[in-house]
Amino acid sequence: MDTSTAGLVRRSEAINEGWTDAELRDRVRGGDLTRIRRGGYAHGIDLGGLSPESRHRLAVTLARAGISVGAISHASAAALWDLPLVGTDLGRVHATLPKATRTGRIGPERHDHTAMLAPDEVTEIDGIPVTTPARTLVDLARSGPPSTAVVCADAALQRALVTAAALGRALDRAKGRPGVNRARRALTAADGRSESPGETLTRLALRTVAALDLQVDITDDDGRFLGRADFGVEDAALLIEFDGREKYLSYRRPGQPIEEAVLAEKRREDQLRALGYGLVRVVWKDLGTPAALADRVRRAVMRGRAAVDRGAVPRGGYQVPPRVGL
């Protein structure tokens, strides 16, 4: 059995090489093969350590053999572009096929969409035809949850996979397609300054609380850089941080224990408070109750504005980079 292609095994190829379905089932029961999708297996791959997006990329690779025209699209294309698909159902491989070939169909493991694909809306990743980042984001925003589209668009803009101009052109080309208005609303909310899905979802949860500045650089009285806050509300002297484990790992020096990185972050927080800033921390659990989070931050904004009105203006510098988006 040939397993040279990234450890993936297709049933059709295995049968052609003399294997039987019973033998494949035995290999699955014995742990030598792991079933990825109907007729597709992984050999020698630790699936337990893979993200849902990475597992879906394997399913896309296996499914591609049965898609002779069109391109991988929607959430499957986003997975191939390594975009974060938080809370997205990845049970089906999505493909967009020309209207002349067949009508759209949703099966147990595939969702075939039918639509026009211009040549410049399709490219390749590892030999797999896939919609471009701009077309992918518009398709996601037209058909899926707005939060998913914004998370993916933030990541694509942040990594320069797509530009705001390219997104605007893709939206214009989608005029008249179902869901294009909702897509424009979602993608207009995207901002490439957000550096993680958690930051994006925090911003969406707080969008009615206050006008948030993103990636705020704070300096002390002497102009020395103290740190960058995920969000700031300048007129309330308030900074907001989304705390994911990856943040502490990014601060950590080579060989530095994570405990030391956490203590360094605590010292930075003390310095910011000493300048006169309030600080609210947000964790993943808070995003599960967005109304409660919004209420907590709203109260902090009100306290901060009242303090500023009394003359408690923070010292040092507060700088915000330009927005990255439509």
C-alpha atoms as a PDB file:
ATOM      1  CA  MET A   1       0.000   0.000   0.000  1.00  0.00           C
ATOM      2  CA  ASP A   2       1.472   3.361  -1.025  1.00  0.00           C
ATOM      3  CA  THR A   3       1.400   5.787   1.889  1.00  0.00           C
ATOM      4  CA  SER A   4       4.027   8.185   0.623  1.00  0.00           C
ATOM      5  CA  THR A   5       1.664  11.133   0.092  1.00  0.00           C
ATOM      6  CA  ALA A   6       1.728  12.713   3.568  1.00  0.00           C
ATOM      7  CA  GLY A   7       0.734   9.353   5.083  1.00  0.00           C
ATOM      8  CA  LEU A   8      -2.678   9.407   3.415  1.00  0.00           C
ATOM      9  CA  VAL A   9      -4.378   6.286   2.043  1.00  0.00           C
ATOM     10  CA  ARG A  10      -7.369   6.262  -0.308  1.00  0.00           C
ATOM     11  CA  ARG A  11      -9.529   3.155  -0.326  1.00  0.00           C
ATOM     12  CA  SER A  12      -9.639   3.059  -4.125  1.00  0.00           C
ATOM     13  CA  GLU A  13      -5.846   3.027  -4.351  1.00  0.00           C
ATOM     14  CA  ALA A  14      -5.532   0.413  -1.610  1.00  0.00           C
ATOM     15  CA  ILE A  15      -8.059  -1.873  -3.346  1.00  0.00           C
ATOM     16  CA  ASN A  16      -6.164  -1.488  -6.626  1.00  0.00           C
ATOM     17  CA  GLU A  17      -3.034  -2.646  -4.827  1.00  0.00           C
ATOM     18  CA  GLY A  18      -4.730  -5.803  -3.585  1.00  0.00           C
ATOM     19  CA  TRP A  19      -6.033  -4.847  -0.172  1.00  0.00           C
ATOM     20  CA  THR A  20      -9.550  -5.810   0.882  1.00  0.00           C
ATOM     21  CA  ASP A  21     -12.054  -3.820   2.897  1.00  0.00           C
ATOM     22  CA  ALA A  22     -11.748  -6.376   5.692  1.00  0.00           C
ATOM     23  CA  GLU A  23      -8.001  -5.812   5.830  1.00  0.00           C
ATOM     24  CA  LEU A  24      -8.485  -2.052   5.937  1.00  0.00           C
ATOM     25  CA  ARG A  25     -10.941  -2.442   8.810  1.00  0.00           C
ATOM     26  CA  ASP A  26      -8.413  -4.632  10.636  1.00  0.00           C
ATOM     27  CA  ARG A  27      -5.732  -1.968  10.161  1.00  0.00           C
ATOM     28  CA  VAL A  28      -8.086   0.643  11.616  1.00  0.00           C
ATOM     29  CA  ARG A  29      -8.938  -1.560  14.609  1.00  0.00           C
ATOM     30  CA  GLY A  30      -5.246  -2.254  15.147  1.00  0.00           C
ATOM     31  CA  GLY A  31      -4.392   1.443  15.156  1.00  0.00           C
ATOM     32  CA  ASP A  32      -2.178   1.310  12.063  1.00  0.00           C
ATOM     33  CA  LEU A  33      -4.708   3.374  10.094  1.00  0.00           C
ATOM     34  CA  THR A  34      -7.028   6.136  11.238  1.00  0.00           C
ATOM     35  CA  ARG A  35     -10.201   6.831   9.283  1.00  0.00           C
ATOM     36  CA  ILE A  36     -10.375  10.485   8.215  1.00  0.00           C
ATOM     37  CA  ARG A  37     -13.437  10.298   6.000  1.00  0.00           C
ATOM     38  CA  ARG A  38     -15.311   7.681   3.986  1.00  0.00           C
ATOM     39  CA  GLY A  39     -12.750   5.978   1.790  1.00  0.00           C
ATOM     40  CA  GLY A  40      -9.839   7.934   3.276  1.00  0.00           C
ATOM     41  CA  TYR A  41      -7.338   7.050   5.972  1.00  0.00           C
ATOM     42  CA  ALA A  42      -4.182   8.406   7.594  1.00  0.00           C
ATOM     43  CA  HIS A  43      -1.154   6.204   8.215  1.00  0.00           C
ATOM     44  CA  GLY A  44       1.561   7.129  10.698  1.00  0.00           C
ATOM     45  CA  ILE A  45      -0.032  10.461  11.629  1.00  0.00           C
ATOM     46  CA  ASP A  46      -0.834  11.439  15.219  1.00  0.00           C
ATOM     47  CA  LEU A  47      -4.283  12.937  14.800  1.00  0.00           C
ATOM     48  CA  GLY A  48      -4.634  13.639  18.505  1.00  0.00           C
ATOM     49  CA  GLY A  49      -2.117  16.449  18.296  1.00  0.00           C
ATOM     50  CA  LEU A  50      -3.688  18.111  15.262  1.00  0.00           C
ATOM     51  CA  SER A  51      -5.986  21.116  15.328  1.00  0.00           C
ATOM     52  CA  PRO A  52      -9.453  20.752  13.761  1.00  0.00           C
ATOM     53  CA  GLU A  53      -8.196  22.842  10.822  1.00  0.00           C
ATOM     54  CA  SER A  54      -5.234  20.507  10.302  1.00  0.00           C
ATOM     55  CA  ARG A  55      -7.468  17.431  10.406  1.00  0.00           C
ATOM     56  CA  HIS A  56      -9.777  19.074   7.890  1.00  0.00           C
ATOM     57  CA  ARG A  57      -6.836  19.739   5.557  1.00  0.00           C
ATOM     58  CA  LEU A  58      -6.226  15.991   5.504  1.00  0.00           C
ATOM     59  CA  ALA A  59      -9.884  15.402   4.631  1.00  0.00           C
ATOM     60  CA  VAL A  60      -9.644  17.978   1.834  1.00  0.00           C
ATOM     61  CA  THR A  61      -6.571  16.277   0.397  1.00  0.00           C
ATOM     62  CA  LEU A  62      -8.350  12.923   0.409  1.00  0.00           C
ATOM     63  CA  ALA A  63     -11.572  14.336  -1.059  1.00  0.00           C
ATOM     64  CA  ARG A  64      -9.842  16.228  -3.845  1.00  0.00           C
ATOM     65  CA  ALA A  65      -9.470  13.066  -5.956  1.00  0.00           C
ATOM     66  CA  GLY A  66     -13.244  12.993  -6.404  1.00  0.00           C
ATOM     67  CA  ILE A  67     -13.542  16.622  -7.516  1.00  0.00           C
ATOM     68  CA  SER A  68     -12.553  16.894 -11.153  1.00  0.00           C
ATOM     69  CA  VAL A  69     -13.647  20.496 -11.779  1.00  0.00           C
ATOM     70  CA  GLY A  70     -14.034  23.676  -9.773  1.00  0.00           C
ATOM     71  CA  ALA A  71     -12.100  24.440  -6.606  1.00  0.00           C
ATOM     72  CA  ILE A  72     -12.029  23.824  -2.885  1.00  0.00           C
ATOM     73  CA  SER A  73     -13.876  26.754  -1.297  1.00  0.00           C
ATOM     74  CA  HIS A  74     -15.582  28.247   1.755  1.00  0.00           C
ATOM     75  CA  ALA A  75     -14.421  26.810   5.105  1.00  0.00           C
ATOM     76  CA  SER A  76     -12.304  24.135   3.403  1.00  0.00           C
ATOM     77  CA  ALA A  77     -10.415  26.798   1.451  1.00  0.00           C
ATOM     78  CA  ALA A  78      -9.946  28.765   4.676  1.00  0.00           C
ATOM     79  CA  ALA A  79      -8.449  25.657   6.282  1.00  0.00           C
ATOM     80  CA  LEU A  80      -6.043  25.256   3.367  1.00  0.00           C
ATOM     81  CA  TRP A  81      -5.025  28.906   3.818  1.00  0.00           C
ATOM     82  CA  ASP A  82      -4.404  28.065   7.500  1.00  0.00           C
ATOM     83  CA  LEU A  83      -7.002  30.543   8.728  1.00  0.00           C
ATOM     84  CA  PRO A  84      -8.553  30.030  12.184  1.00  0.00           C
ATOM     85  CA  LEU A  85     -12.034  28.509  12.022  1.00  0.00           C
ATOM     86  CA  VAL A  86     -13.184  28.921  15.605  1.00  0.00           C
ATOM     87  CA  GLY A  87     -16.507  27.196  16.240  1.00  0.00           C
ATOM     88  CA  THR A  88     -16.937  26.155  12.607  1.00  0.00           C
ATOM     89  CA  ASP A  89     -18.418  22.810  11.580  1.00  0.00           C
ATOM     90  CA  LEU A  90     -15.666  21.081   9.607  1.00  0.00           C
ATOM     91  CA  GLY A  91     -17.535  17.838   9.016  1.00  0.00           C
ATOM     92  CA  ARG A  92     -17.893  18.431   5.271  1.00  0.00           C
ATOM     93  CA  VAL A  93     -15.438  19.338   2.549  1.00  0.00           C
ATOM     94  CA  HIS A  94     -16.655  22.364   0.598  1.00  0.00           C
ATOM     95  CA  ALA A  95     -16.122  22.772  -3.140  1.00  0.00           C
ATOM     96  CA  THR A  96     -17.466  25.241  -5.685  1.00  0.00           C
ATOM     97  CA  LEU A  97     -18.330  23.733  -9.058  1.00  0.00           C
ATOM     98  CA  PRO A  98     -19.345  25.411 -12.319  1.00  0.00           C
ATOM     99  CA  LYS A  99     -23.104  25.718 -12.749  1.00  0.00           C
ATOM    100  CA  ALA A 100     -22.979  23.702 -15.973  1.00  0.00           C
ATOM    101  CA  THR A 101     -21.679  20.599 -14.183  1.00  0.00           C
ATOM    102  CA  ARG A 102     -24.321  19.956 -11.527  1.00  0.00           C
ATOM    103  CA  THR A 103     -26.583  21.636  -9.008  1.00  0.00           C
ATOM    104  CA  GLY A 104     -25.446  22.248  -5.455  1.00  0.00           C
ATOM    105  CA  ARG A 105     -25.598  19.242  -3.166  1.00  0.00           C
ATOM    106  CA  ILE A 106     -25.035  18.627   0.525  1.00  0.00           C
ATOM    107  CA  GLY A 107     -23.943  15.116   1.410  1.00  0.00           C
ATOM    108  CA  PRO A 108     -22.667  13.504   4.594  1.00  0.00           C
ATOM    109  CA  GLU A 109     -19.053  14.504   3.913  1.00  0.00           C
ATOM    110  CA  ARG A 110     -19.192  16.996   1.030  1.00  0.00           C
ATOM    111  CA  HIS A 111     -20.967  20.261   0.335  1.00  0.00           C
ATOM    112  CA  ASP A 112     -20.923  21.163  -3.350  1.00  0.00           C
ATOM    113  CA  HIS A 113     -21.727  24.780  -4.143  1.00  0.00           C
ATOM    114  CA  THR A 114     -22.449  25.941  -7.693  1.00  0.00           C
ATOM    115  CA  ALA A 115     -21.257  29.365  -8.798  1.00  0.00           C
ATOM    116  CA  MET A 116     -19.143  31.136 -11.354  1.00  0.00           C
ATOM    117  CA  LEU A 117     -15.428  31.120 -10.631  1.00  0.00           C
ATOM    118  CA  ALA A 118     -13.322  33.552 -12.636  1.00  0.00           C
ATOM    119  CA  PRO A 119      -9.790  32.341 -13.462  1.00  0.00           C
ATOM    120  CA  ASP A 120      -8.257  34.931 -11.142  1.00  0.00           C
ATOM    121  CA  GLU A 121     -10.409  33.686  -8.243  1.00  0.00           C
ATOM    122  CA  VAL A 122      -8.697  30.282  -8.224  1.00  0.00           C
ATOM    123  CA  THR A 123      -5.117  29.357  -7.359  1.00  0.00           C
ATOM    124  CA  GLU A 124      -3.356  26.216  -6.079  1.00  0.00           C
ATOM    125  CA  ILE A 125      -2.025  25.023  -2.748  1.00  0.00           C
ATOM    126  CA  ASP A 126       0.090  21.867  -2.989  1.00  0.00           C
ATOM    127  CA  GLY A 127      -1.510  21.120  -6.340  1.00  0.00           C
ATOM    128  CA  ILE A 128      -5.076  21.516  -5.056  1.00  0.00           C
ATOM    129  CA  PRO A 129      -7.241  24.122  -6.823  1.00  0.00           C
ATOM    130  CA  VAL A 130      -8.537  26.497  -4.154  1.00  0.00           C
ATOM    131  CA  THR A 131     -10.329  29.828  -4.141  1.00  0.00           C
ATOM    132  CA  THR A 132      -8.137  32.853  -3.505  1.00  0.00           C
ATOM    133  CA  PRO A 133      -8.122  34.378  -0.016  1.00  0.00           C
ATOM    134  CA  ALA A 134     -10.381  37.261  -1.075  1.00  0.00           C
ATOM    135  CA  ARG A 135     -12.950  34.988  -2.747  1.00  0.00           C
ATOM    136  CA  THR A 136     -12.747  32.564   0.193  1.00  0.00           C
ATOM    137  CA  LEU A 137     -13.481  35.292   2.735  1.00  0.00           C
ATOM    138  CA  VAL A 138     -16.430  36.634   0.763  1.00  0.00           C
ATOM    139  CA  ASP A 139     -17.896  33.132   0.385  1.00  0.00           C
ATOM    140  CA  LEU A 140     -17.482  32.500   4.115  1.00  0.00           C
ATOM    141  CA  ALA A 141     -19.072  35.822   4.996  1.00  0.00           C
ATOM    142  CA  ARG A 142     -21.997  35.239   2.628  1.00  0.00           C
ATOM    143  CA  SER A 143     -22.900  31.833   3.981  1.00  0.00           C
ATOM    144  CA  GLY A 144     -21.558  31.433   7.498  1.00  0.00           C
ATOM    145  CA  PRO A 145     -21.632  33.108  10.913  1.00  0.00           C
ATOM    146  CA  PRO A 146     -20.349  36.717  10.802  1.00  0.00           C
ATOM    147  CA  SER A 147     -17.955  36.061  13.679  1.00  0.00           C
ATOM    148  CA  THR A 148     -16.254  33.267  11.717  1.00  0.00           C
ATOM    149  CA  ALA A 149     -15.823  35.546   8.720  1.00  0.00           C
ATOM    150  CA  VAL A 150     -14.387  38.379  10.828  1.00  0.00           C
ATOM    151  CA  VAL A 151     -11.954  36.062  12.643  1.00  0.00           C
ATOM    152  CA  CYS A 152     -10.707  34.690   9.322  1.00  0.00           C
ATOM    153  CA  ALA A 153     -10.556  38.117   7.675  1.00  0.00           C
ATOM    154  CA  ASP A 154      -8.612  39.574  10.606  1.00  0.00           C
ATOM    155  CA  ALA A 155      -6.077  36.759  10.346  1.00  0.00           C
ATOM    156  CA  ALA A 156      -5.778  37.074   6.566  1.00  0.00           C
ATOM    157  CA  LEU A 157      -5.269  40.849   6.767  1.00  0.00           C
ATOM    158  CA  GLN A 158      -2.826  40.511   9.659  1.00  0.00           C
ATOM    159  CA  ARG A 159      -0.734  37.977   7.709  1.00  0.00           C
ATOM    160  CA  ALA A 160      -1.033  40.013   4.473  1.00  0.00           C
ATOM    161  CA  LEU A 161      -2.707  37.079   2.716  1.00  0.00           C
ATOM    162  CA  VAL A 162      -5.195  39.619   1.419  1.00  0.00           C
ATOM    163  CA  THR A 163      -5.420  43.397   1.205  1.00  0.00           C
ATOM    164  CA  ALA A 164      -8.370  45.616   1.997  1.00  0.00           C
ATOM    165  CA  ALA A 165      -8.471  46.631  -1.662  1.00  0.00           C
ATOM    166  CA  ALA A 166      -8.671  42.989  -2.798  1.00  0.00           C
ATOM    167  CA  LEU A 167     -11.487  42.347  -0.322  1.00  0.00           C
ATOM    168  CA  GLY A 168     -13.369  45.350  -1.642  1.00  0.00           C
ATOM    169  CA  ARG A 169     -13.020  44.155  -5.231  1.00  0.00           C
ATOM    170  CA  ALA A 170     -14.185  40.652  -4.279  1.00  0.00           C
ATOM    171  CA  LEU A 171     -17.261  42.097  -2.588  1.00  0.00           C
ATOM    172  CA  ASP A 172     -18.037  44.195  -5.658  1.00  0.00           C
ATOM    173  CA  ARG A 173     -17.775  41.114  -7.874  1.00  0.00           C
ATOM    174  CA  ALA A 174     -20.172  39.246  -5.589  1.00  0.00           C
ATOM    175  CA  LYS A 175     -22.926  41.823  -6.127  1.00  0.00           C
ATOM    176  CA  GLY A 176     -26.239  40.067  -6.681  1.00  0.00           C
ATOM    177  CA  ARG A 177     -25.208  36.791  -5.025  1.00  0.00           C
ATOM    178  CA  PRO A 178     -27.134  35.568  -1.988  1.00  0.00           C
ATOM    179  CA  GLY A 179     -25.778  36.959   1.271  1.00  0.00           C
ATOM    180  CA  VAL A 180     -23.533  39.638  -0.224  1.00  0.00           C
ATOM    181  CA  ASN A 181     -24.973  42.392   1.977  1.00  0.00           C
ATOM    182  CA  ARG A 182     -24.303  40.402   5.139  1.00  0.00           C
ATOM    183  CA  ALA A 183     -20.832  39.659   3.786  1.00  0.00           C
ATOM    184  CA  ARG A 184     -20.128  43.365   3.336  1.00  0.00           C
ATOM    185  CA  ARG A 185     -21.276  44.100   6.891  1.00  0.00           C
ATOM    186  CA  ALA A 186     -19.077  41.351   8.314  1.00  0.00           C
ATOM    187  CA  LEU A 187     -15.966  42.135   6.303  1.00  0.00           C
ATOM    188  CA  THR A 188     -16.287  45.862   6.969  1.00  0.00           C
ATOM    189  CA  ALA A 189     -15.867  44.958  10.646  1.00  0.00           C
ATOM    190  CA  ALA A 190     -12.550  43.174   9.977  1.00  0.00           C
ATOM    191  CA  ASP A 191      -9.313  44.725  11.202  1.00  0.00           C
ATOM    192  CA  GLY A 192      -5.904  43.199  10.560  1.00  0.00           C
ATOM    193  CA  ARG A 193      -4.444  44.722  13.700  1.00  0.00           C
ATOM    194  CA  SER A 194      -6.008  41.936  15.774  1.00  0.00           C
ATOM    195  CA  GLU A 195      -3.391  39.272  16.390  1.00  0.00           C
ATOM    196  CA  SER A 196      -5.488  36.275  17.486  1.00  0.00           C
ATOM    197  CA  PRO A 197      -9.012  34.862  17.280  1.00  0.00           C
ATOM    198  CA  GLY A 198      -9.462  35.709  20.950  1.00  0.00           C
ATOM    199  CA  GLU A 199      -8.712  39.366  20.291  1.00  0.00           C
ATOM    200  CA  THR A 200     -11.159  39.431  17.395  1.00  0.00           C
ATOM    201  CA  LEU A 201     -13.962  37.837  19.409  1.00  0.00           C
ATOM    202  CA  THR A 202     -13.275  40.219  22.307  1.00  0.00           C
ATOM    203  CA  ARG A 203     -13.576  43.174  19.938  1.00  0.00           C
ATOM    204  CA  LEU A 204     -16.873  41.863  18.584  1.00  0.00           C
ATOM    205  CA  ALA A 205     -18.244  41.280  22.082  1.00  0.00           C
ATOM    206  CA  LEU A 206     -17.385  44.871  23.067  1.00  0.00           C
ATOM    207  CA  ARG A 207     -18.413  46.638  19.875  1.00  0.00           C
ATOM    208  CA  THR A 208     -21.418  48.311  21.533  1.00  0.00           C
ATOM    209  CA  VAL A 209     -19.556  49.274  24.713  1.00  0.00           C
ATOM    210  CA  ALA A 210     -17.058  51.859  23.447  1.00  0.00           C
ATOM    211  CA  ALA A 211     -14.939  52.803  20.455  1.00  0.00           C
ATOM    212  CA  LEU A 212     -11.882  50.607  20.945  1.00  0.00           C
ATOM    213  CA  ASP A 213      -8.368  51.502  19.860  1.00  0.00           C
ATOM    214  CA  LEU A 214      -6.324  48.440  18.830  1.00  0.00           C
ATOM    215  CA  GLN A 215      -2.684  47.595  19.571  1.00  0.00           C
ATOM    216  CA  VAL A 216      -2.069  50.639  21.761  1.00  0.00           C
ATOM    217  CA  ASP A 217       1.591  51.442  22.500  1.00  0.00           C
ATOM    218  CA  ILE A 218       2.117  52.869  25.979  1.00  0.00           C
ATOM    219  CA  THR A 219       5.276  54.768  26.933  1.00  0.00           C
ATOM    220  CA  ASP A 220       6.346  56.166  30.309  1.00  0.00           C
ATOM    221  CA  ASP A 221       7.117  59.784  31.204  1.00  0.00           C
ATOM    222  CA  ASP A 222      10.537  59.499  29.565  1.00  0.00           C
ATOM    223  CA  GLY A 223       9.190  58.016  26.327  1.00  0.00           C
ATOM    224  CA  ARG A 224      10.350  54.474  27.122  1.00  0.00           C
ATOM    225  CA  PHE A 225       8.116  51.756  25.664  1.00  0.00           C
ATOM    226  CA  LEU A 226       6.307  49.864  28.408  1.00  0.00           C
ATOM    227  CA  GLY A 227       4.039  47.605  26.423  1.00  0.00           C
ATOM    228  CA  ARG A 228       1.337  47.159  23.844  1.00  0.00           C
ATOM    229  CA  ALA A 229      -2.245  46.694  24.963  1.00  0.00           C
ATOM    230  CA  ASP A 230      -4.683  44.772  22.780  1.00  0.00           C
ATOM    231  CA  PHE A 231      -7.315  47.495  23.241  1.00  0.00           C
ATOM    232  CA  GLY A 232      -7.622  50.929  24.728  1.00  0.00           C
ATOM    233  CA  VAL A 233     -10.391  53.414  25.503  1.00  0.00           C
ATOM    234  CA  GLU A 234      -8.404  56.634  25.686  1.00  0.00           C
ATOM    235  CA  ASP A 235     -11.049  58.919  27.188  1.00  0.00           C
ATOM    236  CA  ALA A 236     -11.544  56.382  29.994  1.00  0.00           C
ATOM    237  CA  ALA A 237      -7.811  55.740  30.579  1.00  0.00           C
ATOM    238  CA  LEU A 238      -8.643  52.048  30.215  1.00  0.00           C
ATOM    239  CA  LEU A 239      -6.618  49.231  28.674  1.00  0.00           C
ATOM    240  CA  ILE A 240      -8.092  45.812  27.819  1.00  0.00           C
ATOM    241  CA  GLU A 241      -6.048  42.659  27.327  1.00  0.00           C
ATOM    242  CA  PHE A 242      -7.112  39.303  25.968  1.00  0.00           C
ATOM    243  CA  ASP A 243      -5.118  36.678  27.850  1.00  0.00           C
ATOM    244  CA  GLY A 244      -4.386  33.536  25.918  1.00  0.00           C
ATOM    245  CA  ARG A 245      -1.592  31.158  26.810  1.00  0.00           C
ATOM    246  CA  GLU A 246       0.092  32.038  23.510  1.00  0.00           C
ATOM    247  CA  LYS A 247       0.581  35.617  24.735  1.00  0.00           C
ATOM    248  CA  TYR A 248       2.784  34.520  27.594  1.00  0.00           C
ATOM    249  CA  LEU A 249       4.639  32.152  25.321  1.00  0.00           C
ATOM    250  CA  SER A 250       5.327  35.009  22.889  1.00  0.00           C
ATOM    251  CA  TYR A 251       6.720  37.176  25.703  1.00  0.00           C
ATOM    252  CA  ARG A 252       8.930  34.374  26.987  1.00  0.00           C
ATOM    253  CA  ARG A 253      12.632  34.524  26.231  1.00  0.00           C
ATOM    254  CA  PRO A 254      14.353  31.346  24.969  1.00  0.00           C
ATOM    255  CA  GLY A 255      14.661  28.963  27.893  1.00  0.00           C
ATOM    256  CA  GLN A 256      12.639  31.178  30.236  1.00  0.00           C
ATOM    257  CA  PRO A 257      10.084  29.279  32.365  1.00  0.00           C
ATOM    258  CA  ILE A 258       6.520  30.340  31.700  1.00  0.00           C
ATOM    259  CA  GLU A 259       6.174  31.297  35.364  1.00  0.00           C
ATOM    260  CA  GLU A 260       8.836  33.977  34.877  1.00  0.00           C
ATOM    261  CA  ALA A 261       7.034  35.239  31.779  1.00  0.00           C
ATOM    262  CA  VAL A 262       3.823  35.558  33.817  1.00  0.00           C
ATOM    263  CA  LEU A 263       5.679  37.502  36.528  1.00  0.00           C
ATOM    264  CA  ALA A 264       7.173  39.809  33.892  1.00  0.00           C
ATOM    265  CA  GLU A 265       3.679  40.463  32.550  1.00  0.00           C
ATOM    266  CA  LYS A 266       2.517  41.253  36.110  1.00  0.00           C
ATOM    267  CA  ARG A 267       5.341  43.797  36.484  1.00  0.00           C
ATOM    268  CA  ARG A 268       4.309  45.395  33.183  1.00  0.00           C
ATOM    269  CA  GLU A 269       0.732  45.617  34.458  1.00  0.00           C
ATOM    270  CA  ASP A 270       1.932  47.341  37.648  1.00  0.00           C
ATOM    271  CA  GLN A 271       3.841  49.907  35.563  1.00  0.00           C
ATOM    272  CA  LEU A 272       0.756  50.652  33.458  1.00  0.00           C
ATOM    273  CA  ARG A 273      -1.409  51.094  36.529  1.00  0.00           C
ATOM    274  CA  ALA A 274       1.224  53.402  38.050  1.00  0.00           C
ATOM    275  CA  LEU A 275       0.827  55.678  35.008  1.00  0.00           C
ATOM    276  CA  GLY A 276      -2.877  55.975  35.769  1.00  0.00           C
ATOM    277  CA  TYR A 277      -4.461  53.340  33.526  1.00  0.00           C
ATOM    278  CA  GLY A 278      -7.143  50.899  34.510  1.00  0.00           C
ATOM    279  CA  LEU A 279      -6.774  47.384  33.133  1.00  0.00           C
ATOM    280  CA  VAL A 280      -9.375  44.737  32.295  1.00  0.00           C
ATOM    281  CA  ARG A 281      -8.300  41.206  31.434  1.00  0.00           C
ATOM    282  CA  VAL A 282     -10.378  38.902  29.236  1.00  0.00           C
ATOM    283  CA  VAL A 283      -9.954  35.119  28.994  1.00  0.00           C
ATOM    284  CA  TRP A 284     -11.539  32.516  26.729  1.00  0.00           C
ATOM    285  CA  LYS A 285     -14.146  31.661  29.362  1.00  0.00           C
ATOM    286  CA  ASP A 286     -15.417  35.278  29.274  1.00  0.00           C
ATOM    287  CA  LEU A 287     -16.171  34.968  25.562  1.00  0.00           C
ATOM    288  CA  GLY A 288     -18.727  32.292  26.390  1.00  0.00           C
ATOM    289  CA  THR A 289     -20.857  34.955  28.132  1.00  0.00           C
ATOM    290  CA  PRO A 290     -20.406  38.031  25.910  1.00  0.00           C
ATOM    291  CA  ALA A 291     -23.239  40.010  27.534  1.00  0.00           C
ATOM    292  CA  ALA A 292     -21.659  39.646  30.975  1.00  0.00           C
ATOM    293  CA  LEU A 293     -18.265  40.607  29.542  1.00  0.00           C
ATOM    294  CA  ALA A 294     -19.721  43.687  27.871  1.00  0.00           C
ATOM    295  CA  ASP A 295     -21.395  44.711  31.121  1.00  0.00           C
ATOM    296  CA  ARG A 296     -18.146  44.333  33.082  1.00  0.00           C
ATOM    297  CA  VAL A 297     -16.182  46.428  30.605  1.00  0.00           C
ATOM    298  CA  ARG A 298     -18.982  49.016  30.371  1.00  0.00           C
ATOM    299  CA  ARG A 299     -18.745  49.570  34.124  1.00  0.00           C
ATOM    300  CA  ALA A 300     -14.955  49.902  33.877  1.00  0.00           C
ATOM    301  CA  VAL A 301     -15.335  52.483  31.084  1.00  0.00           C
ATOM    302  CA  MET A 302     -17.797  54.502  33.184  1.00  0.00           C
ATOM    303  CA  ARG A 303     -15.443  54.449  36.192  1.00  0.00           C
ATOM    304  CA  GLY A 304     -12.518  55.461  34.025  1.00  0.00           C
ATOM    305  CA  ARG A 305     -14.343  58.359  32.380  1.00  0.00           C
ATOM    306  CA  ALA A 306     -15.505  59.615  35.752  1.00  0.00           C
ATOM    307  CA  ALA A 307     -11.921  59.533  37.040  1.00  0.00           C
ATOM    308  CA  VAL A 308     -10.647  61.382  33.963  1.00  0.00           C
ATOM    309  CA  ASP A 309     -13.362  64.001  34.416  1.00  0.00           C
ATOM    310  CA  ARG A 310     -12.028  64.535  37.949  1.00  0.00           C
ATOM    311  CA  GLY A 311      -8.593  65.212  36.507  1.00  0.00           C
ATOM    312  CA  ALA A 312      -6.989  61.758  36.797  1.00  0.00           C
ATOM    313  CA  VAL A 313      -5.345  61.910  33.347  1.00  0.00           C
ATOM    314  CA  PRO A 314      -2.726  59.173  32.803  1.00  0.00           C
ATOM    315  CA  ARG A 315       0.890  60.117  32.241  1.00  0.00           C
ATOM    316  CA  GLY A 316       3.139  58.967  29.409  1.00  0.00           C
ATOM    317  CA  GLY A 317       2.254  58.344  25.774  1.00  0.00           C
ATOM    318  CA  TYR A 318      -0.645  56.583  24.039  1.00  0.00           C
ATOM    319  CA  GLN A 319      -0.131  55.724  20.365  1.00  0.00           C
ATOM    320  CA  VAL A 320      -2.423  53.795  18.019  1.00  0.00           C
ATOM    321  CA  PRO A 321      -1.401  52.354  14.618  1.00  0.00           C
ATOM    322  CA  PRO A 322      -3.673  52.967  11.613  1.00  0.00           C
ATOM    323  CA  ARG A 323      -6.569  50.623  10.975  1.00  0.00           C
ATOM    324  CA  VAL A 324      -6.035  47.704   8.588  1.00  0.00           C
ATOM    325  CA  GLY A 325      -9.282  46.961   6.816  1.00  0.00           C
ATOM    326  CA  LEU A 326     -12.068  48.200   4.555  1.00  0.00           C
END
